[in-house]
Amino acid sequence: MANTASNPKSYFDIHTSGIGYIQRVREVQVKGGRKALPFLACTVAALVGPAKDPIRRYFDVRVSGADAKKLVEPYIGTDDHQQRPLVRFRLGDLWIDPFLRPADGKPAASMKARLLKAEILDRSVLNEIEYHELLTRGIGYLNRPRVVPNGGDPFLSCSIAALAGPVNDPEYRYIDTTVAGGNAQHLVQRCIQAVEAHKKVLIAFTLNDMKAEAYIRTKGDRAGEAGGSLKSRLTQVGLIKIDGEQVYPLKSEGPASEGALAPEETAPGEDSNDSPQPSAPEQAPVEEPALAASF
């Protein structure tokens, strides 16, 4: 895949942003001899839903960004509820870690990521918020778009194989989504025929409210082990390519949203060693762009 000479870009990433509390700040010791260095970790309790009664989504994160490390480090060992800092955060490299609870053997799953950026907020800002959003942006392949009957209250669903890691050797993060919003529903429905024809449908997506769901595997060599899946709501589609051809928006119309990127157009960010790592597209709502006539 081609890269621009002036701004080489070679990583995919999945970015999740929102507002929440930093807690359980700790230094994690790593086994592996003297060269195995400890790293800074914490839990981000992200706020989701109505401000009067939000729920919390927990992310177990490795603190990667240099500025984020400076912000988080003073809270090591301090976990008083009243002293937990409220932050606006950005996470990268989201993944799910399923396990069996030691106490009862029941399945559970945690969401993990890298904390790239964090900005301290005064708690008074909560008085100005009516609804908390937990937004996840990235690019990936559209799979299994379908209408789920749901007992007479049907809804549109799909799975996204989100791309993460080096462009020349990416990994996939599989996310099951309910398609929300008229525009996203319209665009996903337009892709059903292409997916059923086994064409590669690449989209730039925005999701809202990421969560983990755990289960026990019942088939194959891993039967009896814990499994997990990521679930969210697909609220926006900013770009569609079918077998490499851009069909939405039309190139002559310009991008549907700022930074809706093709695979070769991802940008570097930071990792735990402050070396180049993935970043994700930033998107903003604009007027409805045109679709290719064949789409």
C-alpha atoms as a PDB file:
ATOM      1  CA  MET A   1       0.000   0.000   0.000  1.00  0.00           C
ATOM      2  CA  ALA A   2       1.242   3.405  -0.914  1.00  0.00           C
ATOM      3  CA  ASN A   3       2.416   5.946   1.623  1.00  0.00           C
ATOM      4  CA  THR A   4       2.919   9.649   1.100  1.00  0.00           C
ATOM      5  CA  ALA A   5       6.545  10.744   1.086  1.00  0.00           C
ATOM      6  CA  SER A   6       5.931  13.783   3.268  1.00  0.00           C
ATOM      7  CA  ASN A   7       3.917  11.974   5.950  1.00  0.00           C
ATOM      8  CA  PRO A   8       4.549   8.235   5.979  1.00  0.00           C
ATOM      9  CA  LYS A   9       1.659   6.387   7.591  1.00  0.00           C
ATOM     10  CA  SER A  10       1.873   2.709   8.289  1.00  0.00           C
ATOM     11  CA  TYR A  11      -0.473   1.814  11.140  1.00  0.00           C
ATOM     12  CA  PHE A  12      -4.129   1.157  11.729  1.00  0.00           C
ATOM     13  CA  ASP A  13      -5.636   1.915  15.092  1.00  0.00           C
ATOM     14  CA  ILE A  14      -8.952   1.930  16.880  1.00  0.00           C
ATOM     15  CA  HIS A  15      -9.424   5.025  19.020  1.00  0.00           C
ATOM     16  CA  THR A  16     -11.938   5.292  21.855  1.00  0.00           C
ATOM     17  CA  SER A  17     -12.623   8.649  23.482  1.00  0.00           C
ATOM     18  CA  GLY A  18     -14.851   9.948  26.237  1.00  0.00           C
ATOM     19  CA  ILE A  19     -14.962  11.236  29.814  1.00  0.00           C
ATOM     20  CA  GLY A  20     -14.344   9.111  32.892  1.00  0.00           C
ATOM     21  CA  TYR A  21     -12.405   8.536  36.078  1.00  0.00           C
ATOM     22  CA  ILE A  22      -8.853   7.244  36.502  1.00  0.00           C
ATOM     23  CA  GLN A  23      -8.559   4.585  39.209  1.00  0.00           C
ATOM     24  CA  ARG A  24      -6.339   1.679  40.328  1.00  0.00           C
ATOM     25  CA  VAL A  25      -3.139   3.379  39.174  1.00  0.00           C
ATOM     26  CA  ARG A  26      -0.292   0.932  39.606  1.00  0.00           C
ATOM     27  CA  GLU A  27       3.127  -0.108  38.386  1.00  0.00           C
ATOM     28  CA  VAL A  28       3.033  -3.586  36.845  1.00  0.00           C
ATOM     29  CA  GLN A  29       6.081  -5.772  37.235  1.00  0.00           C
ATOM     30  CA  VAL A  30       6.966  -7.901  34.214  1.00  0.00           C
ATOM     31  CA  LYS A  31       8.580 -11.329  34.396  1.00  0.00           C
ATOM     32  CA  GLY A  32      11.470 -12.028  32.065  1.00  0.00           C
ATOM     33  CA  GLY A  33      14.733 -11.026  33.702  1.00  0.00           C
ATOM     34  CA  ARG A  34      16.492  -7.718  34.149  1.00  0.00           C
ATOM     35  CA  LYS A  35      15.512  -6.467  30.701  1.00  0.00           C
ATOM     36  CA  ALA A  36      11.803  -6.777  31.476  1.00  0.00           C
ATOM     37  CA  LEU A  37      10.820  -3.266  32.536  1.00  0.00           C
ATOM     38  CA  PRO A  38       7.734  -2.481  34.646  1.00  0.00           C
ATOM     39  CA  PHE A  39       4.997  -0.362  33.098  1.00  0.00           C
ATOM     40  CA  LEU A  40       2.374   2.049  34.351  1.00  0.00           C
ATOM     41  CA  ALA A  41      -1.237   0.854  34.269  1.00  0.00           C
ATOM     42  CA  CYS A  42      -4.630   2.040  35.464  1.00  0.00           C
ATOM     43  CA  THR A  43      -8.358   1.531  34.982  1.00  0.00           C
ATOM     44  CA  VAL A  44     -10.469   4.052  33.086  1.00  0.00           C
ATOM     45  CA  ALA A  45     -14.094   4.113  34.253  1.00  0.00           C
ATOM     46  CA  ALA A  46     -15.784   5.696  31.240  1.00  0.00           C
ATOM     47  CA  LEU A  47     -19.154   7.402  31.706  1.00  0.00           C
ATOM     48  CA  VAL A  48     -21.914   6.459  29.277  1.00  0.00           C
ATOM     49  CA  GLY A  49     -25.523   7.551  28.969  1.00  0.00           C
ATOM     50  CA  PRO A  50     -27.692  10.207  30.659  1.00  0.00           C
ATOM     51  CA  ALA A  51     -25.685  12.519  32.909  1.00  0.00           C
ATOM     52  CA  LYS A  52     -28.161  12.066  35.773  1.00  0.00           C
ATOM     53  CA  ASP A  53     -27.676   8.302  35.834  1.00  0.00           C
ATOM     54  CA  PRO A  54     -24.669   7.223  33.729  1.00  0.00           C
ATOM     55  CA  ILE A  55     -23.345   3.690  33.552  1.00  0.00           C
ATOM     56  CA  ARG A  56     -19.630   2.944  33.575  1.00  0.00           C
ATOM     57  CA  ARG A  57     -17.556   0.960  31.095  1.00  0.00           C
ATOM     58  CA  TYR A  58     -14.233  -0.175  32.505  1.00  0.00           C
ATOM     59  CA  PHE A  59     -11.023  -0.327  30.468  1.00  0.00           C
ATOM     60  CA  ASP A  60      -7.841  -1.850  31.881  1.00  0.00           C
ATOM     61  CA  VAL A  61      -5.143   0.222  30.195  1.00  0.00           C
ATOM     62  CA  ARG A  62      -1.400   0.542  29.830  1.00  0.00           C
ATOM     63  CA  VAL A  63      -0.414   4.198  30.067  1.00  0.00           C
ATOM     64  CA  SER A  64       1.481   4.982  26.866  1.00  0.00           C
ATOM     65  CA  GLY A  65       1.444   8.669  25.980  1.00  0.00           C
ATOM     66  CA  ALA A  66       4.230  10.705  27.603  1.00  0.00           C
ATOM     67  CA  ASP A  67       1.873  13.427  28.871  1.00  0.00           C
ATOM     68  CA  ALA A  68      -0.589  10.788  30.080  1.00  0.00           C
ATOM     69  CA  LYS A  69       2.185   9.192  32.154  1.00  0.00           C
ATOM     70  CA  LYS A  70       2.940  12.536  33.839  1.00  0.00           C
ATOM     71  CA  LEU A  71      -0.724  13.005  34.651  1.00  0.00           C
ATOM     72  CA  VAL A  72      -1.393   9.479  35.956  1.00  0.00           C
ATOM     73  CA  GLU A  73       1.814   8.665  37.833  1.00  0.00           C
ATOM     74  CA  PRO A  74       1.156  10.875  40.915  1.00  0.00           C
ATOM     75  CA  TYR A  75      -1.959   8.794  41.660  1.00  0.00           C
ATOM     76  CA  ILE A  76      -0.069   5.515  42.201  1.00  0.00           C
ATOM     77  CA  GLY A  77      -1.427   3.914  45.366  1.00  0.00           C
ATOM     78  CA  THR A  78      -4.206   6.501  45.765  1.00  0.00           C
ATOM     79  CA  ASP A  79      -7.659   5.142  45.134  1.00  0.00           C
ATOM     80  CA  ASP A  80      -9.924   7.199  47.358  1.00  0.00           C
ATOM     81  CA  HIS A  81     -13.208   7.678  45.512  1.00  0.00           C
ATOM     82  CA  GLN A  82     -13.160  11.443  46.059  1.00  0.00           C
ATOM     83  CA  GLN A  83      -9.589  11.817  44.794  1.00  0.00           C
ATOM     84  CA  ARG A  84      -9.969   9.929  41.530  1.00  0.00           C
ATOM     85  CA  PRO A  85      -9.255  12.398  38.719  1.00  0.00           C
ATOM     86  CA  LEU A  86     -11.968  13.099  36.160  1.00  0.00           C
ATOM     87  CA  VAL A  87     -10.408  13.147  32.676  1.00  0.00           C
ATOM     88  CA  ARG A  88     -11.167  13.474  29.027  1.00  0.00           C
ATOM     89  CA  PHE A  89      -9.314  10.498  27.533  1.00  0.00           C
ATOM     90  CA  ARG A  90      -8.292   8.845  24.296  1.00  0.00           C
ATOM     91  CA  LEU A  91      -7.463   5.136  24.119  1.00  0.00           C
ATOM     92  CA  GLY A  92      -5.810   3.161  21.334  1.00  0.00           C
ATOM     93  CA  ASP A  93      -5.410  -0.484  20.349  1.00  0.00           C
ATOM     94  CA  LEU A  94      -8.626  -1.772  21.917  1.00  0.00           C
ATOM     95  CA  TRP A  95      -8.885  -5.518  22.561  1.00  0.00           C
ATOM     96  CA  ILE A  96     -10.823  -7.972  24.730  1.00  0.00           C
ATOM     97  CA  ASP A  97      -9.439 -10.365  27.339  1.00  0.00           C
ATOM     98  CA  PRO A  98     -11.861 -13.182  28.313  1.00  0.00           C
ATOM     99  CA  PHE A  99     -11.255 -15.320  31.409  1.00  0.00           C
ATOM    100  CA  LEU A 100     -12.971 -17.596  33.927  1.00  0.00           C
ATOM    101  CA  ARG A 101     -13.574 -16.106  37.371  1.00  0.00           C
ATOM    102  CA  PRO A 102     -11.468 -18.008  39.945  1.00  0.00           C
ATOM    103  CA  ALA A 103     -14.233 -17.840  42.561  1.00  0.00           C
ATOM    104  CA  ASP A 104     -17.075 -19.456  40.619  1.00  0.00           C
ATOM    105  CA  GLY A 105     -15.686 -20.449  37.205  1.00  0.00           C
ATOM    106  CA  LYS A 106     -18.134 -18.184  35.385  1.00  0.00           C
ATOM    107  CA  PRO A 107     -16.998 -16.402  32.199  1.00  0.00           C
ATOM    108  CA  ALA A 108     -15.982 -12.751  32.294  1.00  0.00           C
ATOM    109  CA  ALA A 109     -14.176 -10.385  29.931  1.00  0.00           C
ATOM    110  CA  SER A 110     -12.308  -7.123  30.309  1.00  0.00           C
ATOM    111  CA  MET A 111     -11.636  -4.456  27.708  1.00  0.00           C
ATOM    112  CA  LYS A 112      -7.986  -3.480  27.376  1.00  0.00           C
ATOM    113  CA  ALA A 113      -6.231  -0.672  25.546  1.00  0.00           C
ATOM    114  CA  ARG A 114      -3.416   1.885  25.673  1.00  0.00           C
ATOM    115  CA  LEU A 115      -4.062   5.260  27.297  1.00  0.00           C
ATOM    116  CA  LEU A 116      -2.708   7.718  24.740  1.00  0.00           C
ATOM    117  CA  LYS A 117      -3.991  11.026  26.066  1.00  0.00           C
ATOM    118  CA  ALA A 118      -5.708  12.313  29.193  1.00  0.00           C
ATOM    119  CA  GLU A 119      -6.760  15.807  30.221  1.00  0.00           C
ATOM    120  CA  ILE A 120      -7.806  16.640  33.774  1.00  0.00           C
ATOM    121  CA  LEU A 121     -11.320  18.080  34.036  1.00  0.00           C
ATOM    122  CA  ASP A 122     -12.889  19.949  36.931  1.00  0.00           C
ATOM    123  CA  ARG A 123     -15.854  17.957  38.238  1.00  0.00           C
ATOM    124  CA  SER A 124     -18.061  20.996  37.722  1.00  0.00           C
ATOM    125  CA  VAL A 125     -17.968  20.198  33.985  1.00  0.00           C
ATOM    126  CA  LEU A 126     -20.352  17.316  34.708  1.00  0.00           C
ATOM    127  CA  ASN A 127     -23.063  19.891  35.399  1.00  0.00           C
ATOM    128  CA  GLU A 128     -22.828  21.043  31.764  1.00  0.00           C
ATOM    129  CA  ILE A 129     -23.213  17.580  30.213  1.00  0.00           C
ATOM    130  CA  GLU A 130     -26.598  16.065  29.427  1.00  0.00           C
ATOM    131  CA  TYR A 131     -25.437  12.814  27.841  1.00  0.00           C
ATOM    132  CA  HIS A 132     -22.098  11.010  27.950  1.00  0.00           C
ATOM    133  CA  GLU A 133     -20.855   9.438  24.733  1.00  0.00           C
ATOM    134  CA  LEU A 134     -18.142   6.804  24.441  1.00  0.00           C
ATOM    135  CA  LEU A 135     -17.021   7.024  20.815  1.00  0.00           C
ATOM    136  CA  THR A 136     -14.843   4.509  18.979  1.00  0.00           C
ATOM    137  CA  ARG A 137     -13.453   5.311  15.529  1.00  0.00           C
ATOM    138  CA  GLY A 138     -11.483   3.265  13.040  1.00  0.00           C
ATOM    139  CA  ILE A 139     -11.655   1.408   9.754  1.00  0.00           C
ATOM    140  CA  GLY A 140     -12.487  -2.206   9.057  1.00  0.00           C
ATOM    141  CA  TYR A 141     -14.346  -4.720   6.942  1.00  0.00           C
ATOM    142  CA  LEU A 142     -18.121  -5.037   7.050  1.00  0.00           C
ATOM    143  CA  ASN A 143     -19.402  -8.561   7.713  1.00  0.00           C
ATOM    144  CA  ARG A 144     -22.808 -10.226   8.172  1.00  0.00           C
ATOM    145  CA  PRO A 145     -25.129  -7.237   7.676  1.00  0.00           C
ATOM    146  CA  ARG A 146     -28.577  -8.605   8.475  1.00  0.00           C
ATOM    147  CA  VAL A 147     -32.008  -7.775   9.856  1.00  0.00           C
ATOM    148  CA  VAL A 148     -32.621  -9.465  13.209  1.00  0.00           C
ATOM    149  CA  PRO A 149     -36.345 -10.271  13.783  1.00  0.00           C
ATOM    150  CA  ASN A 150     -36.159  -9.640  17.561  1.00  0.00           C
ATOM    151  CA  GLY A 151     -39.669 -10.877  18.260  1.00  0.00           C
ATOM    152  CA  GLY A 152     -41.465  -8.497  15.929  1.00  0.00           C
ATOM    153  CA  ASP A 153     -39.224  -5.505  16.693  1.00  0.00           C
ATOM    154  CA  PRO A 154     -36.560  -5.999  13.992  1.00  0.00           C
ATOM    155  CA  PHE A 155     -33.243  -4.175  13.929  1.00  0.00           C
ATOM    156  CA  LEU A 156     -30.270  -4.010  11.581  1.00  0.00           C
ATOM    157  CA  SER A 157     -27.055  -5.626  12.759  1.00  0.00           C
ATOM    158  CA  CYS A 158     -23.568  -6.203  11.397  1.00  0.00           C
ATOM    159  CA  SER A 159     -20.094  -7.251  12.451  1.00  0.00           C
ATOM    160  CA  ILE A 160     -17.000  -5.145  11.827  1.00  0.00           C
ATOM    161  CA  ALA A 161     -13.524  -6.635  11.493  1.00  0.00           C
ATOM    162  CA  ALA A 162     -11.676  -3.508  12.663  1.00  0.00           C
ATOM    163  CA  LEU A 163      -8.063  -3.191  11.557  1.00  0.00           C
ATOM    164  CA  ALA A 164      -5.290  -2.708  14.106  1.00  0.00           C
ATOM    165  CA  GLY A 165      -1.499  -2.704  13.849  1.00  0.00           C
ATOM    166  CA  PRO A 166       0.950  -2.462  10.925  1.00  0.00           C
ATOM    167  CA  VAL A 167      -0.659  -1.912   7.527  1.00  0.00           C
ATOM    168  CA  ASN A 168       1.403  -4.720   6.005  1.00  0.00           C
ATOM    169  CA  ASP A 169       0.423  -7.212   8.747  1.00  0.00           C
ATOM    170  CA  PRO A 170      -2.739  -6.038  10.534  1.00  0.00           C
ATOM    171  CA  GLU A 171      -4.691  -7.779  13.241  1.00  0.00           C
ATOM    172  CA  TYR A 172      -8.480  -7.751  13.464  1.00  0.00           C
ATOM    173  CA  ARG A 173     -10.755  -6.729  16.320  1.00  0.00           C
ATOM    174  CA  TYR A 174     -14.209  -8.198  15.771  1.00  0.00           C
ATOM    175  CA  ILE A 175     -17.063  -5.992  16.962  1.00  0.00           C
ATOM    176  CA  ASP A 176     -20.748  -6.942  16.821  1.00  0.00           C
ATOM    177  CA  THR A 177     -22.887  -3.877  16.276  1.00  0.00           C
ATOM    178  CA  THR A 178     -26.478  -2.717  16.191  1.00  0.00           C
ATOM    179  CA  VAL A 179     -26.812  -0.171  13.402  1.00  0.00           C
ATOM    180  CA  ALA A 180     -28.322   3.028  14.825  1.00  0.00           C
ATOM    181  CA  GLY A 181     -29.302   6.193  12.966  1.00  0.00           C
ATOM    182  CA  GLY A 182     -30.999   6.531   9.611  1.00  0.00           C
ATOM    183  CA  ASN A 183     -27.899   7.364   7.578  1.00  0.00           C
ATOM    184  CA  ALA A 184     -25.837   4.454   8.918  1.00  0.00           C
ATOM    185  CA  GLN A 185     -28.750   2.064   8.404  1.00  0.00           C
ATOM    186  CA  HIS A 186     -29.221   3.252   4.826  1.00  0.00           C
ATOM    187  CA  LEU A 187     -25.539   2.810   3.975  1.00  0.00           C
ATOM    188  CA  VAL A 188     -25.202  -0.634   5.584  1.00  0.00           C
ATOM    189  CA  GLN A 189     -28.327  -1.857   3.783  1.00  0.00           C
ATOM    190  CA  ARG A 190     -26.804  -0.682   0.505  1.00  0.00           C
ATOM    191  CA  CYS A 191     -23.784  -2.887   1.243  1.00  0.00           C
ATOM    192  CA  ILE A 192     -25.687  -6.130   1.844  1.00  0.00           C
ATOM    193  CA  GLN A 193     -25.624  -7.230  -1.780  1.00  0.00           C
ATOM    194  CA  ALA A 194     -21.859  -6.641  -2.069  1.00  0.00           C
ATOM    195  CA  VAL A 195     -21.142  -8.594   1.132  1.00  0.00           C
ATOM    196  CA  GLU A 196     -23.338 -11.483  -0.023  1.00  0.00           C
ATOM    197  CA  ALA A 197     -21.381 -11.478  -3.302  1.00  0.00           C
ATOM    198  CA  HIS A 198     -18.195 -11.985  -1.217  1.00  0.00           C
ATOM    199  CA  LYS A 199     -16.791  -8.586  -2.106  1.00  0.00           C
ATOM    200  CA  LYS A 200     -14.518  -6.776   0.353  1.00  0.00           C
ATOM    201  CA  VAL A 201     -16.435  -3.878   1.882  1.00  0.00           C
ATOM    202  CA  LEU A 202     -14.186  -1.503   3.823  1.00  0.00           C
ATOM    203  CA  ILE A 203     -15.766   1.228   5.952  1.00  0.00           C
ATOM    204  CA  ALA A 204     -14.657   4.079   8.184  1.00  0.00           C
ATOM    205  CA  PHE A 205     -16.864   3.819  11.244  1.00  0.00           C
ATOM    206  CA  THR A 206     -17.940   5.601  14.394  1.00  0.00           C
ATOM    207  CA  LEU A 207     -19.354   3.485  17.224  1.00  0.00           C
ATOM    208  CA  ASN A 208     -20.972   4.563  20.475  1.00  0.00           C
ATOM    209  CA  ASP A 209     -20.891   2.736  23.835  1.00  0.00           C
ATOM    210  CA  MET A 210     -18.376  -0.115  23.619  1.00  0.00           C
ATOM    211  CA  LYS A 211     -18.880  -3.050  25.963  1.00  0.00           C
ATOM    212  CA  ALA A 212     -17.614  -6.594  26.495  1.00  0.00           C
ATOM    213  CA  GLU A 213     -19.688  -9.766  26.600  1.00  0.00           C
ATOM    214  CA  ALA A 214     -18.327 -13.075  27.890  1.00  0.00           C
ATOM    215  CA  TYR A 215     -19.399 -16.661  27.189  1.00  0.00           C
ATOM    216  CA  ILE A 216     -18.207 -20.270  27.436  1.00  0.00           C
ATOM    217  CA  ARG A 217     -16.963 -21.856  24.213  1.00  0.00           C
ATOM    218  CA  THR A 218     -18.973 -24.978  23.352  1.00  0.00           C
ATOM    219  CA  LYS A 219     -17.292 -26.238  20.173  1.00  0.00           C
ATOM    220  CA  GLY A 220     -13.855 -27.166  18.869  1.00  0.00           C
ATOM    221  CA  ASP A 221     -10.571 -27.708  20.635  1.00  0.00           C
ATOM    222  CA  ARG A 222     -11.217 -24.770  22.955  1.00  0.00           C
ATOM    223  CA  ALA A 223     -14.602 -25.960  24.228  1.00  0.00           C
ATOM    224  CA  GLY A 224     -15.035 -25.094  27.901  1.00  0.00           C
ATOM    225  CA  GLU A 225     -12.723 -22.060  27.706  1.00  0.00           C
ATOM    226  CA  ALA A 226     -13.861 -18.479  28.193  1.00  0.00           C
ATOM    227  CA  GLY A 227     -14.602 -16.443  25.086  1.00  0.00           C
ATOM    228  CA  GLY A 228     -15.550 -12.823  24.647  1.00  0.00           C
ATOM    229  CA  SER A 229     -16.876 -10.362  22.103  1.00  0.00           C
ATOM    230  CA  LEU A 230     -16.957  -6.591  21.755  1.00  0.00           C
ATOM    231  CA  LYS A 231     -20.375  -5.037  21.197  1.00  0.00           C
ATOM    232  CA  SER A 232     -21.412  -1.503  20.291  1.00  0.00           C
ATOM    233  CA  ARG A 233     -23.762   0.676  18.228  1.00  0.00           C
ATOM    234  CA  LEU A 234     -22.731   1.746  14.724  1.00  0.00           C
ATOM    235  CA  THR A 235     -23.782   5.389  14.484  1.00  0.00           C
ATOM    236  CA  GLN A 236     -21.848   6.743  11.510  1.00  0.00           C
ATOM    237  CA  VAL A 237     -20.236   5.482   8.303  1.00  0.00           C
ATOM    238  CA  GLY A 238     -17.778   7.983   6.840  1.00  0.00           C
ATOM    239  CA  LEU A 239     -16.280   6.024   3.939  1.00  0.00           C
ATOM    240  CA  ILE A 240     -17.092   2.903   1.918  1.00  0.00           C
ATOM    241  CA  LYS A 241     -14.784   1.067  -0.468  1.00  0.00           C
ATOM    242  CA  ILE A 242     -15.915  -2.063  -2.306  1.00  0.00           C
ATOM    243  CA  ASP A 243     -13.068  -4.190  -3.639  1.00  0.00           C
ATOM    244  CA  GLY A 244     -10.813  -1.148  -3.360  1.00  0.00           C
ATOM    245  CA  GLU A 245     -13.126   1.238  -5.241  1.00  0.00           C
ATOM    246  CA  GLN A 246     -14.496   4.176  -3.270  1.00  0.00           C
ATOM    247  CA  VAL A 247     -18.273   4.293  -3.624  1.00  0.00           C
ATOM    248  CA  TYR A 248     -19.103   6.595  -0.721  1.00  0.00           C
ATOM    249  CA  PRO A 249     -18.707   9.468  -0.772  1.00  0.00           C
ATOM    250  CA  LEU A 250     -17.987  10.173  -4.413  1.00  0.00           C
ATOM    251  CA  LYS A 251     -14.431  11.491  -4.679  1.00  0.00           C
ATOM    252  CA  SER A 252     -15.707  14.593  -6.455  1.00  0.00           C
ATOM    253  CA  GLU A 253     -17.858  15.362  -3.408  1.00  0.00           C
ATOM    254  CA  GLY A 254     -14.924  15.316  -0.967  1.00  0.00           C
ATOM    255  CA  PRO A 255     -14.788  13.258   2.238  1.00  0.00           C
ATOM    256  CA  ALA A 256     -17.984  12.518   4.145  1.00  0.00           C
ATOM    257  CA  SER A 257     -16.175  13.415   7.325  1.00  0.00           C
ATOM    258  CA  GLU A 258     -12.811  14.784   8.236  1.00  0.00           C
ATOM    259  CA  GLY A 259     -10.190  12.076   8.344  1.00  0.00           C
ATOM    260  CA  ALA A 260     -12.288   9.202   6.981  1.00  0.00           C
ATOM    261  CA  LEU A 261      -9.246   7.225   5.935  1.00  0.00           C
ATOM    262  CA  ALA A 262      -8.407   4.424   3.575  1.00  0.00           C
ATOM    263  CA  PRO A 263      -5.979   1.772   4.858  1.00  0.00           C
ATOM    264  CA  GLU A 264      -2.915   3.475   3.407  1.00  0.00           C
ATOM    265  CA  GLU A 265      -3.831   6.739   5.117  1.00  0.00           C
ATOM    266  CA  THR A 266      -3.487   5.905   8.789  1.00  0.00           C
ATOM    267  CA  ALA A 267      -1.245   8.029  10.961  1.00  0.00           C
ATOM    268  CA  PRO A 268       1.349   7.327  13.678  1.00  0.00           C
ATOM    269  CA  GLY A 269       0.720   7.947  17.374  1.00  0.00           C
ATOM    270  CA  GLU A 270       2.572   6.947  20.573  1.00  0.00           C
ATOM    271  CA  ASP A 271       3.217   3.679  22.395  1.00  0.00           C
ATOM    272  CA  SER A 272       4.590   2.929  25.813  1.00  0.00           C
ATOM    273  CA  ASN A 273       8.099   3.745  24.588  1.00  0.00           C
ATOM    274  CA  ASP A 274       6.938   6.944  22.906  1.00  0.00           C
ATOM    275  CA  SER A 275       7.780   5.490  19.488  1.00  0.00           C
ATOM    276  CA  PRO A 276       5.497   5.767  16.406  1.00  0.00           C
ATOM    277  CA  GLN A 277       2.260   3.805  16.780  1.00  0.00           C
ATOM    278  CA  PRO A 278      -1.247   3.835  15.301  1.00  0.00           C
ATOM    279  CA  SER A 279      -3.737   6.649  15.344  1.00  0.00           C
ATOM    280  CA  ALA A 280      -7.308   6.696  14.076  1.00  0.00           C
ATOM    281  CA  PRO A 281      -9.492   8.891  11.916  1.00  0.00           C
ATOM    282  CA  GLU A 282     -11.273  11.833  13.489  1.00  0.00           C
ATOM    283  CA  GLN A 283     -14.760  12.336  12.116  1.00  0.00           C
ATOM    284  CA  ALA A 284     -17.231  15.221  12.161  1.00  0.00           C
ATOM    285  CA  PRO A 285     -20.787  15.399  10.811  1.00  0.00           C
ATOM    286  CA  VAL A 286     -21.294  17.196   7.504  1.00  0.00           C
ATOM    287  CA  GLU A 287     -23.963  17.286   4.830  1.00  0.00           C
ATOM    288  CA  GLU A 288     -24.939  14.024   3.171  1.00  0.00           C
ATOM    289  CA  PRO A 289     -22.497  13.307   0.288  1.00  0.00           C
ATOM    290  CA  ALA A 290     -23.338  11.526  -2.943  1.00  0.00           C
ATOM    291  CA  LEU A 291     -23.023   7.797  -3.601  1.00  0.00           C
ATOM    292  CA  ALA A 292     -21.591   6.137  -6.692  1.00  0.00           C
ATOM    293  CA  ALA A 293     -24.288   5.386  -9.248  1.00  0.00           C
ATOM    294  CA  SER A 294     -23.414   1.669  -9.133  1.00  0.00           C
ATOM    295  CA  PHE A 295     -23.728   1.501  -5.337  1.00  0.00           C
END
